[in-house]
Amino acid sequence: MTDPICPLCDRPIPAHVRQSLHHLIPKLKGGKGGPVVLLHQVCHSAIHARFTEGQLARELNTVEALRAHPEMAKFLAWVAKRPPEFHSRTPGARRKR
């Protein structure tokens, strides 16, 4: 069985690495029970460090929109060069809701 691929950075997500489900529409904005995607934890943390729940619900509620955003594109270009097991703390606090 092959490892799932992170839809943001296109790296494999081995079973032993930190990973989490991202609600494409935040639960607080009506996304409970909505579509989710499996991401590396570092990719998921990068999303929430850069964007508010409102931005995610209104503008960035697809993988394509997240990948196209200039701030995320810069992060994704950087993290794509790291091994699938790579994890680091994301600088900055989680954005306000």
PDB file of N, CA and C in Angstrom:
ATOM      1  N   MET A   1       0.839  -1.185   0.000  1.00  0.00           N
ATOM      2  CA  MET A   1       0.000   0.000   0.000  1.00  0.00           C
ATOM      3  C   MET A   1       0.884   1.248   0.000  1.00  0.00           C
ATOM      4  N   THR A   2       0.551   2.195  -0.839  1.00  0.00           N
ATOM      5  CA  THR A   2       1.347   3.416  -0.910  1.00  0.00           C
ATOM      6  C   THR A   2       0.802   4.455   0.063  1.00  0.00           C
ATOM      7  N   ASP A   3       1.686   5.345   0.470  1.00  0.00           N
ATOM      8  CA  ASP A   3       1.295   6.415   1.387  1.00  0.00           C
ATOM      9  C   ASP A   3       0.420   7.428   0.651  1.00  0.00           C
ATOM     10  N   PRO A   4      -0.541   8.035   1.370  1.00  0.00           N
ATOM     11  CA  PRO A   4      -1.323   9.099   0.741  1.00  0.00           C
ATOM     12  C   PRO A   4      -0.410  10.285   0.406  1.00  0.00           C
ATOM     13  N   ILE A   5      -0.834  11.095  -0.526  1.00  0.00           N
ATOM     14  CA  ILE A   5      -0.058  12.269  -0.952  1.00  0.00           C
ATOM     15  C   ILE A   5      -0.736  13.519  -0.402  1.00  0.00           C
ATOM     16  N   CYS A   6       0.054  14.406   0.171  1.00  0.00           N
ATOM     17  CA  CYS A   6      -0.471  15.680   0.663  1.00  0.00           C
ATOM     18  C   CYS A   6      -0.900  16.508  -0.555  1.00  0.00           C
ATOM     19  N   PRO A   7      -2.162  16.927  -0.631  1.00  0.00           N
ATOM     20  CA  PRO A   7      -2.627  17.669  -1.798  1.00  0.00           C
ATOM     21  C   PRO A   7      -2.038  19.076  -1.906  1.00  0.00           C
ATOM     22  N   LEU A   8      -1.419  19.556  -0.836  1.00  0.00           N
ATOM     23  CA  LEU A   8      -0.804  20.886  -0.908  1.00  0.00           C
ATOM     24  C   LEU A   8       0.635  20.815  -1.410  1.00  0.00           C
ATOM     25  N   CYS A   9       1.473  20.009  -0.740  1.00  0.00           N
ATOM     26  CA  CYS A   9       2.902  20.001  -1.091  1.00  0.00           C
ATOM     27  C   CYS A   9       3.292  18.856  -2.017  1.00  0.00           C
ATOM     28  N   ASP A  10       2.369  17.951  -2.302  1.00  0.00           N
ATOM     29  CA  ASP A  10       2.616  16.809  -3.194  1.00  0.00           C
ATOM     30  C   ASP A  10       3.669  15.830  -2.674  1.00  0.00           C
ATOM     31  N   ARG A  11       3.932  15.850  -1.366  1.00  0.00           N
ATOM     32  CA  ARG A  11       4.851  14.865  -0.783  1.00  0.00           C
ATOM     33  C   ARG A  11       4.037  13.740  -0.158  1.00  0.00           C
ATOM     34  N   PRO A  12       4.600  12.522  -0.096  1.00  0.00           N
ATOM     35  CA  PRO A  12       3.900  11.419   0.572  1.00  0.00           C
ATOM     36  C   PRO A  12       3.706  11.721   2.060  1.00  0.00           C
ATOM     37  N   ILE A  13       2.672  11.140   2.636  1.00  0.00           N
ATOM     38  CA  ILE A  13       2.414  11.270   4.073  1.00  0.00           C
ATOM     39  C   ILE A  13       2.545   9.876   4.691  1.00  0.00           C
ATOM     40  N   PRO A  14       3.755   9.485   5.118  1.00  0.00           N
ATOM     41  CA  PRO A  14       3.920   8.170   5.746  1.00  0.00           C
ATOM     42  C   PRO A  14       3.084   8.092   7.027  1.00  0.00           C
ATOM     43  N   ALA A  15       2.688   6.880   7.383  1.00  0.00           N
ATOM     44  CA  ALA A  15       1.797   6.677   8.530  1.00  0.00           C
ATOM     45  C   ALA A  15       2.397   7.200   9.836  1.00  0.00           C
ATOM     46  N   HIS A  16       3.714   7.208   9.961  1.00  0.00           N
ATOM     47  CA  HIS A  16       4.344   7.576  11.232  1.00  0.00           C
ATOM     48  C   HIS A  16       4.594   9.082  11.384  1.00  0.00           C
ATOM     49  N   VAL A  17       4.305   9.889  10.382  1.00  0.00           N
ATOM     50  CA  VAL A  17       4.589  11.327  10.498  1.00  0.00           C
ATOM     51  C   VAL A  17       3.363  12.084  11.012  1.00  0.00           C
ATOM     52  N   ARG A  18       3.614  13.276  11.545  1.00  0.00           N
ATOM     53  CA  ARG A  18       2.523  14.104  12.050  1.00  0.00           C
ATOM     54  C   ARG A  18       1.643  14.539  10.887  1.00  0.00           C
ATOM     55  N   GLN A  19       0.359  14.314  11.045  1.00  0.00           N
ATOM     56  CA  GLN A  19      -0.606  14.607   9.987  1.00  0.00           C
ATOM     57  C   GLN A  19      -1.921  15.012  10.618  1.00  0.00           C
ATOM     58  N   SER A  20      -2.776  15.665   9.858  1.00  0.00           N
ATOM     59  CA  SER A  20      -4.090  16.029  10.383  1.00  0.00           C
ATOM     60  C   SER A  20      -5.062  16.282   9.240  1.00  0.00           C
ATOM     61  N   LEU A  21      -6.339  16.278   9.592  1.00  0.00           N
ATOM     62  CA  LEU A  21      -7.385  16.565   8.619  1.00  0.00           C
ATOM     63  C   LEU A  21      -7.699  18.061   8.654  1.00  0.00           C
ATOM     64  N   HIS A  22      -7.784  18.659   7.486  1.00  0.00           N
ATOM     65  CA  HIS A  22      -8.132  20.080   7.362  1.00  0.00           C
ATOM     66  C   HIS A  22      -9.531  20.187   6.788  1.00  0.00           C
ATOM     67  N   HIS A  23     -10.411  20.884   7.501  1.00  0.00           N
ATOM     68  CA  HIS A  23     -11.752  21.162   6.979  1.00  0.00           C
ATOM     69  C   HIS A  23     -11.630  22.299   5.969  1.00  0.00           C
ATOM     70  N   LEU A  24     -12.003  22.054   4.728  1.00  0.00           N
ATOM     71  CA  LEU A  24     -11.868  23.085   3.698  1.00  0.00           C
ATOM     72  C   LEU A  24     -12.708  24.311   4.033  1.00  0.00           C
ATOM     73  N   ILE A  25     -13.862  24.109   4.633  1.00  0.00           N
ATOM     74  CA  ILE A  25     -14.627  25.217   5.205  1.00  0.00           C
ATOM     75  C   ILE A  25     -14.549  25.012   6.717  1.00  0.00           C
ATOM     76  N   PRO A  26     -13.983  25.991   7.440  1.00  0.00           N
ATOM     77  CA  PRO A  26     -13.809  25.806   8.890  1.00  0.00           C
ATOM     78  C   PRO A  26     -15.112  25.417   9.587  1.00  0.00           C
ATOM     79  N   LYS A  27     -14.977  24.549  10.588  1.00  0.00           N
ATOM     80  CA  LYS A  27     -16.153  24.086  11.325  1.00  0.00           C
ATOM     81  C   LYS A  27     -16.927  25.259  11.919  1.00  0.00           C
ATOM     82  N   LEU A  28     -16.216  26.264  12.397  1.00  0.00           N
ATOM     83  CA  LEU A  28     -16.883  27.428  13.000  1.00  0.00           C
ATOM     84  C   LEU A  28     -17.635  28.267  11.978  1.00  0.00           C
ATOM     85  N   LYS A  29     -17.362  28.044  10.706  1.00  0.00           N
ATOM     86  CA  LYS A  29     -18.023  28.802   9.640  1.00  0.00           C
ATOM     87  C   LYS A  29     -18.974  27.919   8.840  1.00  0.00           C
ATOM     88  N   GLY A  30     -19.446  26.845   9.445  1.00  0.00           N
ATOM     89  CA  GLY A  30     -20.436  25.992   8.793  1.00  0.00           C
ATOM     90  C   GLY A  30     -19.883  24.765   8.103  1.00  0.00           C
ATOM     91  N   GLY A  31     -18.620  24.458   8.300  1.00  0.00           N
ATOM     92  CA  GLY A  31     -18.016  23.337   7.597  1.00  0.00           C
ATOM     93  C   GLY A  31     -18.037  22.009   8.317  1.00  0.00           C
ATOM     94  N   LYS A  32     -18.688  21.961   9.478  1.00  0.00           N
ATOM     95  CA  LYS A  32     -18.748  20.687  10.205  1.00  0.00           C
ATOM     96  C   LYS A  32     -19.471  19.666   9.332  1.00  0.00           C
ATOM     97  N   GLY A  33     -18.855  18.530   9.124  1.00  0.00           N
ATOM     98  CA  GLY A  33     -19.433  17.509   8.261  1.00  0.00           C
ATOM     99  C   GLY A  33     -19.135  17.735   6.789  1.00  0.00           C
ATOM    100  N   GLY A  34     -18.417  18.823   6.479  1.00  0.00           N
ATOM    101  CA  GLY A  34     -18.075  19.132   5.092  1.00  0.00           C
ATOM    102  C   GLY A  34     -16.806  18.425   4.657  1.00  0.00           C
ATOM    103  N   PRO A  35     -16.310  18.768   3.478  1.00  0.00           N
ATOM    104  CA  PRO A  35     -15.131  18.083   2.950  1.00  0.00           C
ATOM    105  C   PRO A  35     -13.866  18.370   3.769  1.00  0.00           C
ATOM    106  N   VAL A  36     -13.062  17.323   3.928  1.00  0.00           N
ATOM    107  CA  VAL A  36     -11.779  17.431   4.619  1.00  0.00           C
ATOM    108  C   VAL A  36     -10.690  16.834   3.733  1.00  0.00           C
ATOM    109  N   VAL A  37      -9.456  17.284   3.963  1.00  0.00           N
ATOM    110  CA  VAL A  37      -8.301  16.726   3.257  1.00  0.00           C
ATOM    111  C   VAL A  37      -7.228  16.378   4.280  1.00  0.00           C
ATOM    112  N   LEU A  38      -6.510  15.279   4.037  1.00  0.00           N
ATOM    113  CA  LEU A  38      -5.408  14.863   4.890  1.00  0.00           C
ATOM    114  C   LEU A  38      -4.159  15.621   4.478  1.00  0.00           C
ATOM    115  N   LEU A  39      -3.520  16.281   5.455  1.00  0.00           N
ATOM    116  CA  LEU A  39      -2.323  17.086   5.194  1.00  0.00           C
ATOM    117  C   LEU A  39      -1.214  16.717   6.168  1.00  0.00           C
ATOM    118  N   HIS A  40       0.035  17.041   5.786  1.00  0.00           N
ATOM    119  CA  HIS A  40       1.111  17.024   6.775  1.00  0.00           C
ATOM    120  C   HIS A  40       0.750  18.057   7.839  1.00  0.00           C
ATOM    121  N   GLN A  41       1.111  17.805   9.071  1.00  0.00           N
ATOM    122  CA  GLN A  41       0.820  18.772  10.131  1.00  0.00           C
ATOM    123  C   GLN A  41       1.487  20.113   9.844  1.00  0.00           C
ATOM    124  N   VAL A  42       2.701  20.102   9.298  1.00  0.00           N
ATOM    125  CA  VAL A  42       3.394  21.365   9.010  1.00  0.00           C
ATOM    126  C   VAL A  42       2.630  22.176   7.953  1.00  0.00           C
ATOM    127  N   CYS A  43       2.031  21.517   6.987  1.00  0.00           N
ATOM    128  CA  CYS A  43       1.232  22.211   5.964  1.00  0.00           C
ATOM    129  C   CYS A  43      -0.050  22.769   6.581  1.00  0.00           C
ATOM    130  N   HIS A  44      -0.681  21.972   7.434  1.00  0.00           N
ATOM    131  CA  HIS A  44      -1.915  22.405   8.094  1.00  0.00           C
ATOM    132  C   HIS A  44      -1.640  23.603   9.008  1.00  0.00           C
ATOM    133  N   SER A  45      -0.558  23.528   9.766  1.00  0.00           N
ATOM    134  CA  SER A  45      -0.210  24.639  10.657  1.00  0.00           C
ATOM    135  C   SER A  45       0.082  25.908   9.866  1.00  0.00           C
ATOM    136  N   ALA A  46       0.717  25.758   8.708  1.00  0.00           N
ATOM    137  CA  ALA A  46       1.033  26.928   7.875  1.00  0.00           C
ATOM    138  C   ALA A  46      -0.245  27.634   7.418  1.00  0.00           C
ATOM    139  N   ILE A  47      -1.274  26.877   7.106  1.00  0.00           N
ATOM    140  CA  ILE A  47      -2.550  27.479   6.691  1.00  0.00           C
ATOM    141  C   ILE A  47      -3.105  28.346   7.816  1.00  0.00           C
ATOM    142  N   HIS A  48      -3.194  27.768   9.014  1.00  0.00           N
ATOM    143  CA  HIS A  48      -3.834  28.470  10.121  1.00  0.00           C
ATOM    144  C   HIS A  48      -2.970  29.583  10.704  1.00  0.00           C
ATOM    145  N   ALA A  49      -1.679  29.571  10.432  1.00  0.00           N
ATOM    146  CA  ALA A  49      -0.817  30.670  10.876  1.00  0.00           C
ATOM    147  C   ALA A  49      -0.944  31.879   9.949  1.00  0.00           C
ATOM    148  N   ARG A  50      -1.406  31.666   8.732  1.00  0.00           N
ATOM    149  CA  ARG A  50      -1.450  32.738   7.735  1.00  0.00           C
ATOM    150  C   ARG A  50      -2.840  33.346   7.527  1.00  0.00           C
ATOM    151  N   PHE A  51      -3.879  32.562   7.750  1.00  0.00           N
ATOM    152  CA  PHE A  51      -5.216  33.006   7.364  1.00  0.00           C
ATOM    153  C   PHE A  51      -6.211  32.902   8.510  1.00  0.00           C
ATOM    154  N   THR A  52      -7.200  33.798   8.504  1.00  0.00           N
ATOM    155  CA  THR A  52      -8.276  33.731   9.488  1.00  0.00           C
ATOM    156  C   THR A  52      -9.294  32.688   9.042  1.00  0.00           C
ATOM    157  N   GLU A  53     -10.137  32.284   9.974  1.00  0.00           N
ATOM    158  CA  GLU A  53     -11.206  31.343   9.646  1.00  0.00           C
ATOM    159  C   GLU A  53     -12.118  31.941   8.570  1.00  0.00           C
ATOM    160  N   GLY A  54     -12.372  33.241   8.664  1.00  0.00           N
ATOM    161  CA  GLY A  54     -13.214  33.921   7.679  1.00  0.00           C
ATOM    162  C   GLY A  54     -12.611  33.881   6.282  1.00  0.00           C
ATOM    163  N   GLN A  55     -11.303  34.139   6.189  1.00  0.00           N
ATOM    164  CA  GLN A  55     -10.626  34.071   4.881  1.00  0.00           C
ATOM    165  C   GLN A  55     -10.719  32.661   4.310  1.00  0.00           C
ATOM    166  N   LEU A  56     -10.504  31.674   5.173  1.00  0.00           N
ATOM    167  CA  LEU A  56     -10.559  30.285   4.710  1.00  0.00           C
ATOM    168  C   LEU A  56     -11.949  29.934   4.208  1.00  0.00           C
ATOM    169  N   ALA A  57     -12.981  30.387   4.911  1.00  0.00           N
ATOM    170  CA  ALA A  57     -14.356  30.068   4.515  1.00  0.00           C
ATOM    171  C   ALA A  57     -14.742  30.777   3.222  1.00  0.00           C
ATOM    172  N   ARG A  58     -14.358  32.050   3.097  1.00  0.00           N
ATOM    173  CA  ARG A  58     -14.797  32.856   1.945  1.00  0.00           C
ATOM    174  C   ARG A  58     -13.959  32.635   0.687  1.00  0.00           C
ATOM    175  N   GLU A  59     -12.628  32.658   0.839  1.00  0.00           N
ATOM    176  CA  GLU A  59     -11.751  32.729  -0.332  1.00  0.00           C
ATOM    177  C   GLU A  59     -10.884  31.495  -0.553  1.00  0.00           C
ATOM    178  N   LEU A  60     -10.575  30.791   0.509  1.00  0.00           N
ATOM    179  CA  LEU A  60      -9.562  29.735   0.416  1.00  0.00           C
ATOM    180  C   LEU A  60     -10.145  28.384   0.816  1.00  0.00           C
ATOM    181  N   ASN A  61     -11.311  28.050   0.254  1.00  0.00           N
ATOM    182  CA  ASN A  61     -12.013  26.834   0.662  1.00  0.00           C
ATOM    183  C   ASN A  61     -11.832  25.666  -0.309  1.00  0.00           C
ATOM    184  N   THR A  62     -10.797  25.746  -1.139  1.00  0.00           N
ATOM    185  CA  THR A  62     -10.415  24.615  -1.992  1.00  0.00           C
ATOM    186  C   THR A  62      -8.904  24.445  -1.929  1.00  0.00           C
ATOM    187  N   VAL A  63      -8.439  23.245  -2.232  1.00  0.00           N
ATOM    188  CA  VAL A  63      -6.997  23.007  -2.286  1.00  0.00           C
ATOM    189  C   VAL A  63      -6.366  23.915  -3.342  1.00  0.00           C
ATOM    190  N   GLU A  64      -7.039  24.079  -4.466  1.00  0.00           N
ATOM    191  CA  GLU A  64      -6.505  24.908  -5.557  1.00  0.00           C
ATOM    192  C   GLU A  64      -6.333  26.357  -5.111  1.00  0.00           C
ATOM    193  N   ALA A  65      -7.313  26.894  -4.396  1.00  0.00           N
ATOM    194  CA  ALA A  65      -7.225  28.284  -3.929  1.00  0.00           C
ATOM    195  C   ALA A  65      -6.094  28.447  -2.920  1.00  0.00           C
ATOM    196  N   LEU A  66      -5.930  27.465  -2.036  1.00  0.00           N
ATOM    197  CA  LEU A  66      -4.832  27.529  -1.068  1.00  0.00           C
ATOM    198  C   LEU A  66      -3.483  27.496  -1.778  1.00  0.00           C
ATOM    199  N   ARG A  67      -3.338  26.584  -2.728  1.00  0.00           N
ATOM    200  CA  ARG A  67      -2.063  26.461  -3.457  1.00  0.00           C
ATOM    201  C   ARG A  67      -1.747  27.709  -4.270  1.00  0.00           C
ATOM    202  N   ALA A  68      -2.773  28.389  -4.761  1.00  0.00           N
ATOM    203  CA  ALA A  68      -2.565  29.559  -5.620  1.00  0.00           C
ATOM    204  C   ALA A  68      -2.247  30.825  -4.832  1.00  0.00           C
ATOM    205  N   HIS A  69      -2.570  30.864  -3.543  1.00  0.00           N
ATOM    206  CA  HIS A  69      -2.325  32.073  -2.762  1.00  0.00           C
ATOM    207  C   HIS A  69      -0.814  32.304  -2.655  1.00  0.00           C
ATOM    208  N   PRO A  70      -0.343  33.538  -2.916  1.00  0.00           N
ATOM    209  CA  PRO A  70       1.106  33.806  -2.923  1.00  0.00           C
ATOM    210  C   PRO A  70       1.834  33.402  -1.642  1.00  0.00           C
ATOM    211  N   GLU A  71       1.239  33.645  -0.476  1.00  0.00           N
ATOM    212  CA  GLU A  71       1.906  33.275   0.782  1.00  0.00           C
ATOM    213  C   GLU A  71       2.049  31.764   0.906  1.00  0.00           C
ATOM    214  N   MET A  72       1.010  31.034   0.542  1.00  0.00           N
ATOM    215  CA  MET A  72       1.080  29.576   0.620  1.00  0.00           C
ATOM    216  C   MET A  72       1.998  29.024  -0.459  1.00  0.00           C
ATOM    217  N   ALA A  73       1.957  29.610  -1.650  1.00  0.00           N
ATOM    218  CA  ALA A  73       2.818  29.134  -2.744  1.00  0.00           C
ATOM    219  C   ALA A  73       4.286  29.227  -2.339  1.00  0.00           C
ATOM    220  N   LYS A  74       4.657  30.305  -1.669  1.00  0.00           N
ATOM    221  CA  LYS A  74       6.043  30.471  -1.217  1.00  0.00           C
ATOM    222  C   LYS A  74       6.401  29.384  -0.194  1.00  0.00           C
ATOM    223  N   PHE A  75       5.507  29.163   0.772  1.00  0.00           N
ATOM    224  CA  PHE A  75       5.737  28.116   1.771  1.00  0.00           C
ATOM    225  C   PHE A  75       5.834  26.740   1.108  1.00  0.00           C
ATOM    226  N   LEU A  76       4.907  26.453   0.191  1.00  0.00           N
ATOM    227  CA  LEU A  76       4.867  25.133  -0.442  1.00  0.00           C
ATOM    228  C   LEU A  76       6.108  24.871  -1.286  1.00  0.00           C
ATOM    229  N   ALA A  77       6.629  25.900  -1.954  1.00  0.00           N
ATOM    230  CA  ALA A  77       7.868  25.732  -2.721  1.00  0.00           C
ATOM    231  C   ALA A  77       9.019  25.374  -1.782  1.00  0.00           C
ATOM    232  N   TRP A  78       9.025  25.979  -0.603  1.00  0.00           N
ATOM    233  CA  TRP A  78      10.070  25.708   0.380  1.00  0.00           C
ATOM    234  C   TRP A  78       9.927  24.308   0.970  1.00  0.00           C
ATOM    235  N   VAL A  79       8.720  23.952   1.430  1.00  0.00           N
ATOM    236  CA  VAL A  79       8.536  22.676   2.121  1.00  0.00           C
ATOM    237  C   VAL A  79       8.624  21.491   1.160  1.00  0.00           C
ATOM    238  N   ALA A  80       8.342  21.691  -0.107  1.00  0.00           N
ATOM    239  CA  ALA A  80       8.410  20.597  -1.082  1.00  0.00           C
ATOM    240  C   ALA A  80       9.816  20.024  -1.206  1.00  0.00           C
ATOM    241  N   LYS A  81      10.818  20.805  -0.823  1.00  0.00           N
ATOM    242  CA  LYS A  81      12.216  20.350  -0.891  1.00  0.00           C
ATOM    243  C   LYS A  81      12.619  19.549   0.346  1.00  0.00           C
ATOM    244  N   ARG A  82      11.748  19.446   1.314  1.00  0.00           N
ATOM    245  CA  ARG A  82      12.038  18.738   2.555  1.00  0.00           C
ATOM    246  C   ARG A  82      11.566  17.285   2.447  1.00  0.00           C
ATOM    247  N   PRO A  83      12.152  16.385   3.245  1.00  0.00           N
ATOM    248  CA  PRO A  83      11.697  14.996   3.221  1.00  0.00           C
ATOM    249  C   PRO A  83      10.274  14.891   3.783  1.00  0.00           C
ATOM    250  N   PRO A  84       9.550  13.825   3.439  1.00  0.00           N
ATOM    251  CA  PRO A  84       8.164  13.678   3.903  1.00  0.00           C
ATOM    252  C   PRO A  84       8.030  13.704   5.431  1.00  0.00           C
ATOM    253  N   GLU A  85       9.073  13.299   6.147  1.00  0.00           N
ATOM    254  CA  GLU A  85       9.034  13.258   7.617  1.00  0.00           C
ATOM    255  C   GLU A  85       9.267  14.621   8.240  1.00  0.00           C
ATOM    256  N   PHE A  86       9.624  15.618   7.445  1.00  0.00           N
ATOM    257  CA  PHE A  86       9.978  16.932   7.981  1.00  0.00           C
ATOM    258  C   PHE A  86       8.822  17.548   8.763  1.00  0.00           C
ATOM    259  N   HIS A  87       9.162  18.093   9.930  1.00  0.00           N
ATOM    260  CA  HIS A  87       8.206  18.873  10.703  1.00  0.00           C
ATOM    261  C   HIS A  87       8.969  19.943  11.455  1.00  0.00           C
ATOM    262  N   SER A  88       8.397  21.119  11.549  1.00  0.00           N
ATOM    263  CA  SER A  88       8.974  22.164  12.379  1.00  0.00           C
ATOM    264  C   SER A  88       7.834  23.004  12.914  1.00  0.00           C
ATOM    265  N   ARG A  89       8.131  23.711  13.953  1.00  0.00           N
ATOM    266  CA  ARG A  89       7.115  24.614  14.496  1.00  0.00           C
ATOM    267  C   ARG A  89       6.889  25.727  13.496  1.00  0.00           C
ATOM    268  N   THR A  90       5.663  26.147  13.368  1.00  0.00           N
ATOM    269  CA  THR A  90       5.327  27.239  12.466  1.00  0.00           C
ATOM    270  C   THR A  90       5.445  28.532  13.247  1.00  0.00           C
ATOM    271  N   PRO A  91       6.265  29.481  12.752  1.00  0.00           N
ATOM    272  CA  PRO A  91       6.407  30.731  13.493  1.00  0.00           C
ATOM    273  C   PRO A  91       5.103  31.522  13.534  1.00  0.00           C
ATOM    274  N   GLY A  92       4.882  32.192  14.626  1.00  0.00           N
ATOM    275  CA  GLY A  92       3.687  33.020  14.751  1.00  0.00           C
ATOM    276  C   GLY A  92       2.545  32.260  15.384  1.00  0.00           C
ATOM    277  N   ALA A  93       1.590  33.008  15.871  1.00  0.00           N
ATOM    278  CA  ALA A  93       0.425  32.416  16.513  1.00  0.00           C
ATOM    279  C   ALA A  93      -0.633  32.069  15.477  1.00  0.00           C
ATOM    280  N   ARG A  94      -1.542  31.221  15.868  1.00  0.00           N
ATOM    281  CA  ARG A  94      -2.683  30.898  15.012  1.00  0.00           C
ATOM    282  C   ARG A  94      -3.486  32.176  14.806  1.00  0.00           C
ATOM    283  N   ARG A  95      -3.950  32.388  13.586  1.00  0.00           N
ATOM    284  CA  ARG A  95      -4.713  33.598  13.275  1.00  0.00           C
ATOM    285  C   ARG A  95      -6.038  33.623  13.995  1.00  0.00           C
ATOM    286  N   LYS A  96      -6.517  34.801  14.250  1.00  0.00           N
ATOM    287  CA  LYS A  96      -7.806  34.975  14.931  1.00  0.00           C
ATOM    288  C   LYS A  96      -8.939  34.476  14.060  1.00  0.00           C
ATOM    289  N   ARG A  97     -10.046  34.183  14.681  1.00  0.00           N
ATOM    290  CA  ARG A  97     -11.204  33.675  13.947  1.00  0.00           C
ATOM    291  C   ARG A  97     -11.933  34.821  13.318  1.00  0.00           C
TER     292      ARG A  97
END
